[in-house]
Amino acid sequence: EVQRIRRKLGITLNDAILGLTAGAMRQMLLEEAGRADDPLVAIVPISVSSDTDRISGNKISIMLTSLPTQVADPVERCHAASAAAKVAKEQSRILGPNLMREWLQYVPQRLLELHARRSYETRRADRAKPQANLVVSNVPGPKEQIRIAGYPVTDLFSVGPLNDGCALNITIWSYTDRLEVGALADPELLPEPQRITAALADAFEELRAAVDSEAPAGTNR
């Protein structure tokens, strides 16, 4: 269904997921604060590895993109998320995926360790302006059902770590014909992370209804 919707909108699957996430976070903002006037900023991990033979490990970079939580219309929200993602991808391409790793090669390891320890001891992250509001990962998984020791894996869920100042991580895997959603949250800020997954389901139903209502007469829905 998400593939059908994103094709009709002329956007990528990742754009659709960002649009749905924006819809879910808009719902949360309206419930918690009664307003959603400004966009949020999402960290989106991107793979920079071309090695298809590796059996462990990963090479990733990140891009920062805007989540248009201020947009009320779900279709316009997805198009806004798509436009923001295009800008983020171009910025990432210009800077290059290995920029941070290349810079770190020139920093003495001992100095880096001292800086990290000092930042932790002084709780510097508690006073710094957050880099982003949440992490959103879209991971392509197996298209066919996999088995472990002969038993079928019916579902595939995982979550990524939380960052300083970033209290929510949403990880979405595509597995067989489904999108599987996992959410990890700081319990002090969001003690019920299932509200996020419920809000994502609501955002999907809202988007599907909006897209199907725009279908030409006679179209098979």
Protein backbone atom coordinates (compact mmCIF):
# COMPACT_ATOMS: atom_id res chain seq x y z
CA GLU A 1 0.00 0.00 0.00
CA VAL A 2 2.81 2.43 0.80
CA GLN A 3 4.47 1.56 -2.52
CA ARG A 4 1.19 2.21 -4.34
CA ILE A 5 0.74 5.54 -2.61
CA ARG A 6 4.30 6.75 -3.15
CA ARG A 7 4.12 5.84 -6.86
CA LYS A 8 0.90 7.80 -7.21
CA LEU A 9 2.51 10.79 -5.50
CA GLY A 10 5.65 10.47 -7.63
CA ILE A 11 8.01 10.23 -4.64
CA THR A 12 10.40 7.62 -3.27
CA LEU A 13 9.64 5.13 -0.52
CA ASN A 14 12.02 7.01 1.77
CA ASP A 15 10.16 10.26 1.03
CA ALA A 16 6.87 8.58 1.92
CA ILE A 17 8.31 7.29 5.20
CA LEU A 18 9.58 10.76 6.07
CA GLY A 19 6.16 12.20 5.24
CA LEU A 20 4.44 9.60 7.43
CA THR A 21 6.89 10.29 10.25
CA ALA A 22 6.15 14.00 9.95
CA GLY A 23 2.45 13.20 10.22
CA ALA A 24 2.99 11.08 13.32
CA MET A 25 5.13 13.74 14.99
CA ARG A 26 2.58 16.41 14.10
CA GLN A 27 -0.07 14.37 15.89
CA MET A 28 2.20 14.01 18.94
CA LEU A 29 2.98 17.75 18.99
CA LEU A 30 -0.71 18.65 18.79
CA GLU A 31 -1.53 16.23 21.61
CA GLU A 32 1.33 17.36 23.87
CA ALA A 33 1.71 21.06 23.09
CA GLY A 34 -1.49 21.92 21.26
CA ARG A 35 0.46 23.33 18.32
CA ALA A 36 2.79 22.28 15.50
CA ASP A 37 3.94 25.54 13.98
CA ASP A 38 7.51 24.66 13.05
CA PRO A 39 9.22 21.74 11.30
CA LEU A 40 11.37 19.26 13.17
CA VAL A 41 14.86 18.16 12.17
CA ALA A 42 15.55 14.47 11.58
CA ILE A 43 18.85 12.61 11.43
CA VAL A 44 18.63 10.11 8.58
CA PRO A 45 21.41 7.48 8.47
CA ILE A 46 22.56 6.59 4.95
CA SER A 47 24.71 3.65 3.90
CA VAL A 48 28.04 4.48 2.25
CA SER A 49 29.23 0.89 1.87
CA SER A 50 29.37 -0.79 -1.53
CA ASP A 51 30.69 -4.09 -0.18
CA THR A 52 27.98 -6.69 -0.76
CA ASP A 53 30.13 -9.55 0.60
CA ARG A 54 30.60 -8.31 4.16
CA ILE A 55 29.14 -10.52 6.88
CA SER A 56 29.23 -7.99 9.72
CA GLY A 57 29.68 -4.31 10.42
CA ASN A 58 28.32 -1.32 8.58
CA LYS A 59 29.50 1.95 7.07
CA ILE A 60 27.07 4.80 7.43
CA SER A 61 26.92 8.54 7.19
CA ILE A 62 24.04 10.84 8.10
CA MET A 63 22.06 13.62 6.55
CA LEU A 64 19.92 16.20 8.31
CA THR A 65 16.51 16.83 6.80
CA SER A 66 13.44 18.84 7.68
CA LEU A 67 10.24 17.08 8.77
CA PRO A 68 7.33 19.33 7.73
CA THR A 69 5.21 18.82 10.85
CA GLN A 70 3.72 22.30 10.31
CA VAL A 71 1.91 21.13 7.13
CA ALA A 72 -1.63 19.98 7.86
CA ASP A 73 -2.47 18.34 4.51
CA PRO A 74 -0.95 14.81 4.34
CA VAL A 75 -0.30 14.92 0.58
CA GLU A 76 1.36 18.33 0.74
CA ARG A 77 3.32 17.08 3.76
CA CYS A 78 4.79 14.19 1.76
CA HIS A 79 5.75 16.47 -1.13
CA ALA A 80 7.36 18.89 1.34
CA ALA A 81 9.28 16.02 2.95
CA SER A 82 10.41 14.89 -0.51
CA ALA A 83 11.65 18.39 -1.40
CA ALA A 84 13.53 18.69 1.91
CA ALA A 85 15.13 15.27 1.41
CA LYS A 86 16.37 16.28 -2.07
CA VAL A 87 18.12 19.31 -0.55
CA ALA A 88 19.61 17.16 2.24
CA LYS A 89 20.88 14.58 -0.26
CA GLU A 90 22.53 17.28 -2.36
CA GLN A 91 24.22 18.77 0.70
CA SER A 92 25.43 15.31 1.68
CA ARG A 93 26.75 14.71 -1.84
CA ILE A 94 28.65 18.02 -1.87
CA LEU A 95 30.26 17.41 1.54
CA GLY A 96 30.95 13.77 0.76
CA PRO A 97 30.08 10.74 2.89
CA ASN A 98 33.54 10.42 4.44
CA LEU A 99 34.14 14.04 5.47
CA MET A 100 33.83 13.49 9.23
CA ARG A 101 35.97 10.33 9.18
CA GLU A 102 38.65 12.11 7.15
CA TRP A 103 38.69 15.05 9.58
CA LEU A 104 38.99 12.74 12.56
CA GLN A 105 42.18 11.26 11.09
CA TYR A 106 43.91 14.55 11.92
CA VAL A 107 42.72 14.67 15.56
CA PRO A 108 45.06 12.98 18.07
CA GLN A 109 43.27 10.02 19.63
CA ARG A 110 44.29 11.03 23.16
CA LEU A 111 42.92 14.54 22.66
CA LEU A 112 39.64 13.12 21.34
CA GLU A 113 39.29 10.85 24.38
CA LEU A 114 39.93 13.72 26.78
CA HIS A 115 37.37 15.89 25.01
CA ALA A 116 34.75 13.14 25.12
CA ARG A 117 35.38 12.47 28.82
CA ARG A 118 35.27 16.16 29.67
CA SER A 119 32.03 16.62 27.76
CA TYR A 120 30.48 13.71 29.64
CA GLU A 121 31.65 14.86 33.08
CA THR A 122 30.41 18.43 32.60
CA ARG A 123 27.15 17.26 30.92
CA ARG A 124 27.85 19.66 28.10
CA ALA A 125 25.21 18.04 25.90
CA ASP A 126 22.53 19.04 28.43
CA ARG A 127 23.30 22.72 27.77
CA ALA A 128 24.03 22.59 24.04
CA LYS A 129 21.41 23.23 21.41
CA PRO A 130 20.23 19.85 20.02
CA GLN A 131 21.46 19.00 16.53
CA ALA A 132 18.19 17.29 15.70
CA ASN A 133 14.91 16.18 17.25
CA LEU A 134 14.82 12.51 16.26
CA VAL A 135 16.45 9.79 14.17
CA VAL A 136 14.55 8.16 11.29
CA SER A 137 16.05 5.07 9.61
CA ASN A 138 14.63 3.32 6.56
CA VAL A 139 16.38 -0.03 6.09
CA PRO A 140 15.72 -2.25 3.05
CA GLY A 141 15.35 -5.82 4.27
CA PRO A 142 14.87 -9.23 2.63
CA LYS A 143 12.10 -9.46 0.05
CA GLU A 144 11.66 -13.17 0.76
CA GLN A 145 10.94 -14.71 4.14
CA ILE A 146 14.12 -15.93 5.82
CA ARG A 147 14.58 -18.93 8.10
CA ILE A 148 16.81 -19.56 11.09
CA ALA A 149 17.47 -23.21 11.98
CA GLY A 150 14.52 -24.12 9.80
CA TYR A 151 12.07 -21.81 11.54
CA PRO A 152 10.52 -18.93 9.56
CA VAL A 153 11.22 -15.38 10.70
CA THR A 154 7.75 -13.85 10.72
CA ASP A 155 8.75 -10.29 11.66
CA LEU A 156 11.91 -8.21 11.67
CA PHE A 157 12.30 -5.34 14.16
CA SER A 158 15.31 -3.37 15.26
CA VAL A 159 16.12 0.02 16.74
CA GLY A 160 19.08 2.36 16.65
CA PRO A 161 20.72 4.28 19.50
CA LEU A 162 19.59 7.57 20.99
CA ASN A 163 21.80 10.63 20.53
CA ASP A 164 22.52 13.39 23.02
CA GLY A 165 19.59 15.78 22.89
CA CYS A 166 17.72 13.43 20.56
CA ALA A 167 15.26 11.34 22.55
CA LEU A 168 13.55 9.30 19.81
CA ASN A 169 14.80 6.81 17.24
CA ILE A 170 12.39 5.34 14.68
CA THR A 171 13.69 2.43 12.60
CA ILE A 172 11.61 1.02 9.75
CA TRP A 173 12.55 -2.21 8.00
CA SER A 174 11.01 -3.46 4.79
CA TYR A 175 10.54 -7.22 5.15
CA THR A 176 8.69 -9.41 2.65
CA ASP A 177 5.60 -7.31 1.83
CA ARG A 178 5.47 -5.20 4.98
CA LEU A 179 7.06 -2.24 6.69
CA GLU A 180 8.03 -3.14 10.27
CA VAL A 181 8.32 -0.23 12.70
CA GLY A 182 10.39 -0.03 15.87
CA ALA A 183 10.65 2.98 18.18
CA LEU A 184 13.16 3.60 20.98
CA ALA A 185 12.53 6.58 23.25
CA ASP A 186 13.91 8.19 26.37
CA PRO A 187 11.40 7.13 29.06
CA GLU A 188 11.74 10.45 30.88
CA LEU A 189 10.43 12.30 27.84
CA LEU A 190 8.27 9.67 26.19
CA PRO A 191 7.33 6.86 28.59
CA GLU A 192 4.90 5.29 26.09
CA PRO A 193 6.73 4.82 22.76
CA GLN A 194 3.79 2.77 21.47
CA ARG A 195 2.07 6.12 20.97
CA ILE A 196 4.58 6.79 18.18
CA THR A 197 3.81 3.56 16.34
CA ALA A 198 0.08 4.19 16.77
CA ALA A 199 0.53 7.73 15.41
CA LEU A 200 2.41 6.34 12.39
CA ALA A 201 -0.52 4.01 11.68
CA ASP A 202 -2.90 6.98 11.96
CA ALA A 203 -0.71 9.03 9.61
CA PHE A 204 -0.75 6.19 7.07
CA GLU A 205 -4.55 5.91 7.14
CA GLU A 206 -4.85 9.69 6.79
CA LEU A 207 -2.51 9.72 3.79
CA ARG A 208 -4.17 6.74 2.12
CA ALA A 209 -7.62 8.32 2.47
CA ALA A 210 -6.35 11.62 1.07
CA VAL A 211 -4.63 9.98 -1.91
CA ASP A 212 -7.58 7.73 -2.75
CA SER A 213 -10.01 10.64 -2.53
CA GLU A 214 -8.06 12.29 -5.35
CA ALA A 215 -8.41 9.25 -7.63
CA PRO A 216 -10.07 9.95 -11.00
CA ALA A 217 -13.61 8.72 -11.48
CA GLY A 218 -13.73 5.05 -12.44
CA THR A 219 -10.35 4.26 -10.93
CA ASN A 220 -10.19 0.92 -9.11
CA ARG A 221 -9.44 1.70 -5.47
